[in-house]
N, C-alpha and C. Protein backbone atom coordinates (compact mmCIF):
# COMPACT_ATOMS: atom_id res chain seq x y z
N MET A 1 11.89 -14.36 17.73
CA MET A 1 10.46 -14.19 17.68
C MET A 1 9.78 -15.39 17.02
N PHE A 2 10.15 -15.65 15.76
CA PHE A 2 9.58 -16.78 15.03
C PHE A 2 10.70 -17.76 14.67
N ASN A 3 10.33 -19.04 14.54
CA ASN A 3 11.32 -20.02 14.10
C ASN A 3 11.50 -19.91 12.58
N GLN A 4 12.45 -20.64 12.04
CA GLN A 4 12.79 -20.53 10.61
C GLN A 4 11.60 -20.89 9.70
N ALA A 5 10.84 -21.91 10.06
CA ALA A 5 9.69 -22.31 9.24
C ALA A 5 8.63 -21.21 9.22
N GLU A 6 8.39 -20.59 10.38
CA GLU A 6 7.42 -19.50 10.44
C GLU A 6 7.90 -18.29 9.64
N LEU A 7 9.19 -17.97 9.76
CA LEU A 7 9.74 -16.86 8.99
C LEU A 7 9.63 -17.12 7.49
N ALA A 8 9.87 -18.36 7.08
CA ALA A 8 9.73 -18.72 5.67
C ALA A 8 8.29 -18.53 5.21
N HIS A 9 7.35 -18.89 6.07
CA HIS A 9 5.93 -18.69 5.74
C HIS A 9 5.63 -17.20 5.55
N TRP A 10 6.04 -16.38 6.49
CA TRP A 10 5.76 -14.94 6.40
C TRP A 10 6.49 -14.30 5.22
N ARG A 11 7.68 -14.78 4.93
CA ARG A 11 8.41 -14.27 3.77
C ARG A 11 7.63 -14.56 2.50
N GLU A 12 7.11 -15.78 2.37
CA GLU A 12 6.33 -16.16 1.19
C GLU A 12 5.05 -15.31 1.09
N VAL A 13 4.38 -15.10 2.21
CA VAL A 13 3.17 -14.26 2.23
C VAL A 13 3.51 -12.85 1.74
N LEU A 14 4.60 -12.30 2.26
CA LEU A 14 4.99 -10.94 1.89
C LEU A 14 5.43 -10.84 0.42
N LEU A 15 6.13 -11.84 -0.07
CA LEU A 15 6.55 -11.83 -1.48
C LEU A 15 5.34 -11.88 -2.41
N LYS A 16 4.35 -12.70 -2.07
CA LYS A 16 3.12 -12.77 -2.88
C LYS A 16 2.38 -11.44 -2.83
N LEU A 17 2.31 -10.84 -1.65
CA LEU A 17 1.65 -9.55 -1.50
C LEU A 17 2.38 -8.48 -2.32
N ARG A 18 3.70 -8.47 -2.27
CA ARG A 18 4.48 -7.51 -3.04
C ARG A 18 4.24 -7.67 -4.54
N ASP A 19 4.21 -8.91 -5.00
CA ASP A 19 3.96 -9.16 -6.42
C ASP A 19 2.58 -8.65 -6.82
N ARG A 20 1.58 -8.90 -5.98
CA ARG A 20 0.22 -8.43 -6.28
C ARG A 20 0.17 -6.90 -6.30
N LEU A 21 0.81 -6.27 -5.32
CA LEU A 21 0.82 -4.81 -5.26
C LEU A 21 1.55 -4.21 -6.45
N ASP A 22 2.66 -4.84 -6.86
CA ASP A 22 3.39 -4.36 -8.04
C ASP A 22 2.51 -4.42 -9.28
N ALA A 23 1.78 -5.52 -9.44
CA ALA A 23 0.90 -5.66 -10.60
C ALA A 23 -0.22 -4.63 -10.57
N GLU A 24 -0.81 -4.42 -9.40
CA GLU A 24 -1.88 -3.42 -9.27
C GLU A 24 -1.35 -2.02 -9.53
N SER A 25 -0.16 -1.74 -9.02
CA SER A 25 0.45 -0.42 -9.22
C SER A 25 0.72 -0.17 -10.69
N THR A 26 1.21 -1.17 -11.39
CA THR A 26 1.46 -1.04 -12.82
C THR A 26 0.17 -0.77 -13.56
N GLN A 27 -0.89 -1.47 -13.19
CA GLN A 27 -2.19 -1.27 -13.84
C GLN A 27 -2.73 0.13 -13.56
N ILE A 28 -2.60 0.60 -12.33
CA ILE A 28 -3.09 1.93 -11.97
C ILE A 28 -2.33 3.00 -12.75
N ARG A 29 -1.02 2.86 -12.84
CA ARG A 29 -0.22 3.84 -13.59
C ARG A 29 -0.60 3.83 -15.08
N ALA A 30 -0.85 2.65 -15.62
CA ALA A 30 -1.24 2.55 -17.03
C ALA A 30 -2.59 3.23 -17.25
N GLU A 31 -3.52 3.02 -16.32
CA GLU A 31 -4.83 3.67 -16.43
C GLU A 31 -4.70 5.18 -16.30
N ALA A 32 -3.85 5.63 -15.40
CA ALA A 32 -3.65 7.07 -15.23
C ALA A 32 -3.05 7.69 -16.47
N THR A 33 -2.10 7.01 -17.06
CA THR A 33 -1.47 7.51 -18.28
C THR A 33 -2.47 7.54 -19.42
N HIS A 34 -3.27 6.49 -19.53
CA HIS A 34 -4.28 6.41 -20.58
C HIS A 34 -5.34 7.48 -20.39
N ALA A 35 -5.78 7.68 -19.14
CA ALA A 35 -6.83 8.66 -18.84
C ALA A 35 -6.37 10.08 -19.17
N SER A 36 -5.12 10.37 -18.98
CA SER A 36 -4.64 11.73 -19.25
C SER A 36 -4.37 11.95 -20.73
N GLY A 37 -4.50 10.86 -21.55
CA GLY A 37 -4.24 10.97 -22.97
C GLY A 37 -5.36 11.60 -23.77
N GLY A 38 -6.55 11.73 -23.20
CA GLY A 38 -7.63 12.42 -23.88
C GLY A 38 -8.67 11.53 -24.51
N GLU A 39 -8.29 10.32 -24.94
CA GLU A 39 -9.25 9.49 -25.63
C GLU A 39 -9.99 8.56 -24.69
N SER A 40 -9.61 8.49 -23.44
CA SER A 40 -10.27 7.58 -22.51
C SER A 40 -11.70 7.98 -22.25
N THR A 41 -12.04 9.23 -22.48
CA THR A 41 -13.40 9.69 -22.25
C THR A 41 -14.29 9.43 -23.46
N GLY A 42 -13.70 8.87 -24.52
CA GLY A 42 -14.47 8.56 -25.70
C GLY A 42 -14.52 9.70 -26.69
N GLY A 43 -13.88 10.80 -26.38
CA GLY A 43 -13.90 11.96 -27.26
C GLY A 43 -12.69 11.98 -28.16
N PHE A 44 -12.65 12.97 -29.00
CA PHE A 44 -11.52 13.16 -29.88
C PHE A 44 -10.72 14.35 -29.37
N SER A 45 -9.43 14.31 -29.57
CA SER A 45 -8.57 15.36 -29.02
C SER A 45 -8.82 16.71 -29.67
N ASN A 46 -9.40 16.77 -30.88
CA ASN A 46 -9.65 18.06 -31.52
C ASN A 46 -11.06 18.59 -31.24
N MET A 47 -11.84 17.86 -30.47
CA MET A 47 -13.20 18.30 -30.14
C MET A 47 -13.15 19.15 -28.87
N PRO A 48 -13.94 20.22 -28.83
CA PRO A 48 -13.97 21.03 -27.60
C PRO A 48 -14.59 20.23 -26.46
N THR A 49 -14.12 20.50 -25.26
CA THR A 49 -14.66 19.81 -24.10
C THR A 49 -15.41 20.79 -23.23
N HIS A 50 -16.33 20.25 -22.49
CA HIS A 50 -17.11 21.05 -21.56
C HIS A 50 -16.29 21.22 -20.28
N LEU A 51 -16.42 22.37 -19.65
CA LEU A 51 -15.66 22.66 -18.43
C LEU A 51 -15.91 21.58 -17.37
N GLY A 52 -17.16 21.11 -17.27
CA GLY A 52 -17.48 20.06 -16.30
C GLY A 52 -16.75 18.76 -16.61
N ASP A 53 -16.59 18.46 -17.90
CA ASP A 53 -15.84 17.26 -18.28
C ASP A 53 -14.39 17.36 -17.85
N ASP A 54 -13.82 18.55 -18.02
CA ASP A 54 -12.43 18.76 -17.59
C ASP A 54 -12.29 18.54 -16.09
N GLY A 55 -13.23 19.05 -15.32
CA GLY A 55 -13.19 18.88 -13.86
C GLY A 55 -13.33 17.43 -13.46
N SER A 56 -14.20 16.70 -14.15
CA SER A 56 -14.38 15.28 -13.86
C SER A 56 -13.10 14.50 -14.15
N GLN A 57 -12.47 14.83 -15.27
CA GLN A 57 -11.23 14.14 -15.63
C GLN A 57 -10.14 14.45 -14.62
N GLU A 58 -10.03 15.70 -14.19
CA GLU A 58 -9.03 16.05 -13.18
C GLU A 58 -9.29 15.31 -11.88
N SER A 59 -10.56 15.19 -11.51
CA SER A 59 -10.92 14.48 -10.28
C SER A 59 -10.55 13.00 -10.39
N GLU A 60 -10.84 12.39 -11.53
CA GLU A 60 -10.49 10.98 -11.74
C GLU A 60 -8.98 10.79 -11.69
N GLU A 61 -8.24 11.71 -12.30
CA GLU A 61 -6.79 11.60 -12.28
C GLU A 61 -6.25 11.73 -10.87
N ALA A 62 -6.82 12.64 -10.08
CA ALA A 62 -6.37 12.82 -8.70
C ALA A 62 -6.60 11.55 -7.89
N VAL A 63 -7.76 10.91 -8.09
CA VAL A 63 -8.06 9.67 -7.38
C VAL A 63 -7.10 8.57 -7.82
N THR A 64 -6.87 8.47 -9.12
CA THR A 64 -5.97 7.44 -9.64
C THR A 64 -4.55 7.63 -9.12
N PHE A 65 -4.06 8.86 -9.13
CA PHE A 65 -2.71 9.10 -8.62
C PHE A 65 -2.63 8.86 -7.11
N GLY A 66 -3.70 9.17 -6.39
CA GLY A 66 -3.75 8.86 -4.96
C GLY A 66 -3.67 7.37 -4.71
N MET A 67 -4.38 6.60 -5.54
CA MET A 67 -4.32 5.14 -5.42
C MET A 67 -2.91 4.63 -5.70
N ALA A 68 -2.26 5.21 -6.69
CA ALA A 68 -0.89 4.80 -7.03
C ALA A 68 0.05 5.10 -5.86
N GLU A 69 -0.13 6.24 -5.21
CA GLU A 69 0.69 6.59 -4.04
C GLU A 69 0.47 5.60 -2.91
N ASN A 70 -0.80 5.22 -2.68
CA ASN A 70 -1.10 4.24 -1.62
C ASN A 70 -0.44 2.90 -1.92
N GLU A 71 -0.50 2.47 -3.17
CA GLU A 71 0.14 1.20 -3.56
C GLU A 71 1.65 1.28 -3.31
N ALA A 72 2.25 2.40 -3.67
CA ALA A 72 3.70 2.55 -3.47
C ALA A 72 4.06 2.51 -1.98
N THR A 73 3.23 3.12 -1.16
CA THR A 73 3.45 3.10 0.29
C THR A 73 3.37 1.67 0.82
N LEU A 74 2.37 0.92 0.36
CA LEU A 74 2.24 -0.47 0.81
C LEU A 74 3.42 -1.32 0.35
N VAL A 75 3.91 -1.08 -0.86
CA VAL A 75 5.08 -1.83 -1.34
C VAL A 75 6.27 -1.54 -0.44
N ARG A 76 6.47 -0.27 -0.05
CA ARG A 76 7.57 0.07 0.85
C ARG A 76 7.41 -0.64 2.20
N GLU A 77 6.19 -0.69 2.72
CA GLU A 77 5.95 -1.39 3.99
C GLU A 77 6.29 -2.87 3.88
N VAL A 78 5.90 -3.48 2.77
CA VAL A 78 6.21 -4.90 2.54
C VAL A 78 7.72 -5.09 2.44
N GLU A 79 8.39 -4.22 1.71
CA GLU A 79 9.86 -4.30 1.59
C GLU A 79 10.51 -4.18 2.97
N ASP A 80 10.02 -3.25 3.78
CA ASP A 80 10.56 -3.09 5.14
C ASP A 80 10.33 -4.35 5.97
N ALA A 81 9.17 -4.97 5.83
CA ALA A 81 8.89 -6.20 6.57
C ALA A 81 9.82 -7.32 6.12
N LEU A 82 10.08 -7.41 4.82
CA LEU A 82 11.03 -8.41 4.33
C LEU A 82 12.43 -8.16 4.90
N ALA A 83 12.81 -6.90 5.02
CA ALA A 83 14.11 -6.57 5.63
C ALA A 83 14.12 -6.98 7.10
N ARG A 84 13.00 -6.78 7.80
CA ARG A 84 12.94 -7.18 9.21
C ARG A 84 13.08 -8.70 9.35
N ILE A 85 12.58 -9.45 8.38
CA ILE A 85 12.77 -10.91 8.41
C ILE A 85 14.26 -11.21 8.30
N GLN A 86 14.94 -10.58 7.36
CA GLN A 86 16.38 -10.80 7.17
C GLN A 86 17.17 -10.44 8.43
N GLU A 87 16.71 -9.40 9.13
CA GLU A 87 17.42 -8.92 10.32
C GLU A 87 16.94 -9.60 11.60
N HIS A 88 16.07 -10.57 11.46
CA HIS A 88 15.51 -11.33 12.59
C HIS A 88 14.77 -10.43 13.58
N ARG A 89 14.12 -9.39 13.05
CA ARG A 89 13.32 -8.50 13.89
C ARG A 89 11.83 -8.60 13.58
N PHE A 90 11.47 -9.42 12.60
CA PHE A 90 10.07 -9.53 12.17
C PHE A 90 9.21 -10.10 13.29
N GLY A 91 8.06 -9.48 13.48
CA GLY A 91 7.11 -9.97 14.47
C GLY A 91 7.24 -9.32 15.83
N ALA A 92 8.21 -8.42 15.99
CA ALA A 92 8.38 -7.70 17.25
C ALA A 92 7.90 -6.27 17.06
N CYS A 93 7.10 -5.79 17.98
CA CYS A 93 6.60 -4.41 17.93
C CYS A 93 7.78 -3.45 18.03
N GLU A 94 7.80 -2.46 17.14
CA GLU A 94 8.91 -1.50 17.14
C GLU A 94 8.84 -0.53 18.31
N ASP A 95 7.71 -0.45 18.99
CA ASP A 95 7.60 0.45 20.14
C ASP A 95 7.85 -0.26 21.47
N CYS A 96 7.18 -1.39 21.69
CA CYS A 96 7.28 -2.05 23.00
C CYS A 96 8.09 -3.34 22.97
N ASP A 97 8.48 -3.78 21.78
CA ASP A 97 9.27 -4.98 21.56
C ASP A 97 8.53 -6.28 21.90
N LYS A 98 7.22 -6.20 22.17
CA LYS A 98 6.44 -7.42 22.40
C LYS A 98 6.14 -8.08 21.07
N ARG A 99 5.82 -9.35 21.14
CA ARG A 99 5.50 -10.10 19.93
C ARG A 99 4.15 -9.63 19.36
N ILE A 100 4.13 -9.40 18.06
CA ILE A 100 2.88 -9.03 17.37
C ILE A 100 2.09 -10.32 17.16
N PRO A 101 0.84 -10.35 17.60
CA PRO A 101 0.04 -11.58 17.47
C PRO A 101 -0.11 -12.02 16.01
N LYS A 102 -0.15 -13.33 15.80
CA LYS A 102 -0.30 -13.87 14.46
C LYS A 102 -1.59 -13.40 13.80
N THR A 103 -2.63 -13.18 14.60
CA THR A 103 -3.89 -12.70 14.02
C THR A 103 -3.70 -11.33 13.38
N ARG A 104 -2.90 -10.47 14.02
CA ARG A 104 -2.63 -9.15 13.45
C ARG A 104 -1.77 -9.28 12.20
N LEU A 105 -0.76 -10.15 12.24
CA LEU A 105 0.10 -10.35 11.08
C LEU A 105 -0.66 -10.99 9.92
N THR A 106 -1.64 -11.80 10.23
CA THR A 106 -2.46 -12.39 9.17
C THR A 106 -3.23 -11.30 8.44
N ALA A 107 -3.73 -10.33 9.20
CA ALA A 107 -4.47 -9.22 8.60
C ALA A 107 -3.54 -8.22 7.93
N LEU A 108 -2.42 -7.92 8.58
CA LEU A 108 -1.42 -6.96 8.08
C LEU A 108 -0.04 -7.59 8.20
N PRO A 109 0.37 -8.38 7.22
CA PRO A 109 1.65 -9.08 7.36
C PRO A 109 2.86 -8.17 7.46
N TYR A 110 2.69 -6.90 7.15
CA TYR A 110 3.79 -5.94 7.24
C TYR A 110 3.70 -5.09 8.51
N ALA A 111 2.84 -5.47 9.45
CA ALA A 111 2.63 -4.69 10.68
C ALA A 111 3.95 -4.47 11.42
N ARG A 112 4.13 -3.23 11.87
CA ARG A 112 5.32 -2.85 12.64
C ARG A 112 5.05 -2.82 14.14
N HIS A 113 3.78 -2.72 14.50
CA HIS A 113 3.41 -2.51 15.89
C HIS A 113 2.32 -3.48 16.32
N CYS A 114 2.33 -3.82 17.59
CA CYS A 114 1.24 -4.61 18.14
C CYS A 114 -0.02 -3.74 18.12
N PHE A 115 -1.16 -4.33 18.35
CA PHE A 115 -2.41 -3.59 18.28
C PHE A 115 -2.44 -2.43 19.27
N SER A 116 -1.99 -2.68 20.48
CA SER A 116 -2.02 -1.66 21.52
C SER A 116 -1.18 -0.43 21.13
N CYS A 117 0.03 -0.66 20.66
CA CYS A 117 0.89 0.45 20.27
C CYS A 117 0.37 1.14 19.00
N ALA A 118 -0.19 0.37 18.08
CA ALA A 118 -0.77 0.97 16.86
C ALA A 118 -1.95 1.86 17.24
N GLU A 119 -2.75 1.41 18.18
CA GLU A 119 -3.90 2.21 18.63
C GLU A 119 -3.43 3.50 19.30
N LYS A 120 -2.40 3.41 20.13
CA LYS A 120 -1.85 4.60 20.78
C LYS A 120 -1.34 5.60 19.74
N ARG A 121 -0.67 5.10 18.72
CA ARG A 121 -0.15 5.96 17.66
C ARG A 121 -1.29 6.65 16.91
N ALA A 122 -2.33 5.89 16.63
CA ALA A 122 -3.48 6.46 15.90
C ALA A 122 -4.17 7.53 16.73
N LEU A 123 -4.30 7.29 18.01
CA LEU A 123 -4.94 8.27 18.89
C LEU A 123 -4.10 9.53 19.02
N SER A 124 -2.78 9.38 19.09
CA SER A 124 -1.92 10.58 19.22
C SER A 124 -1.93 11.38 17.91
N LYS A 125 -2.02 10.71 16.76
CA LYS A 125 -2.13 11.44 15.48
C LYS A 125 -3.46 12.18 15.40
N LYS A 126 -4.50 11.54 15.87
CA LYS A 126 -5.84 12.14 15.83
C LYS A 126 -5.91 13.36 16.73
N ALA A 127 -5.21 13.30 17.86
CA ALA A 127 -5.23 14.42 18.82
C ALA A 127 -4.43 15.62 18.32
N SER A 128 -3.45 15.37 17.46
CA SER A 128 -2.62 16.51 17.00
C SER A 128 -3.08 17.11 15.72
């Protein structure tokens, strides 16, 4: 699919992306841990809280944990793309085996599918 120089380029892109995602994930987890500690809202742990405050904190925690899950999913996708580079399968659509355009890989360097197959998958998920 790609020559060695191109694969080296995509490997470097993916490694930088993985490092950034790891840093963001660490920060999100730290914020989630801090937020659940009680003092992040500016209050004291021995002070009574309002029911609405509790709901807001739970909502913030749910959003934060959702973000952490998304980061973890992206890290797995990047790891899978790095494995595809090692296996010389990077850049080939997993459904139709056609080459994934560089424009798509520039936007999503961990893309598994060409645009056409990705669109078909999205439409079939939406229909079910």
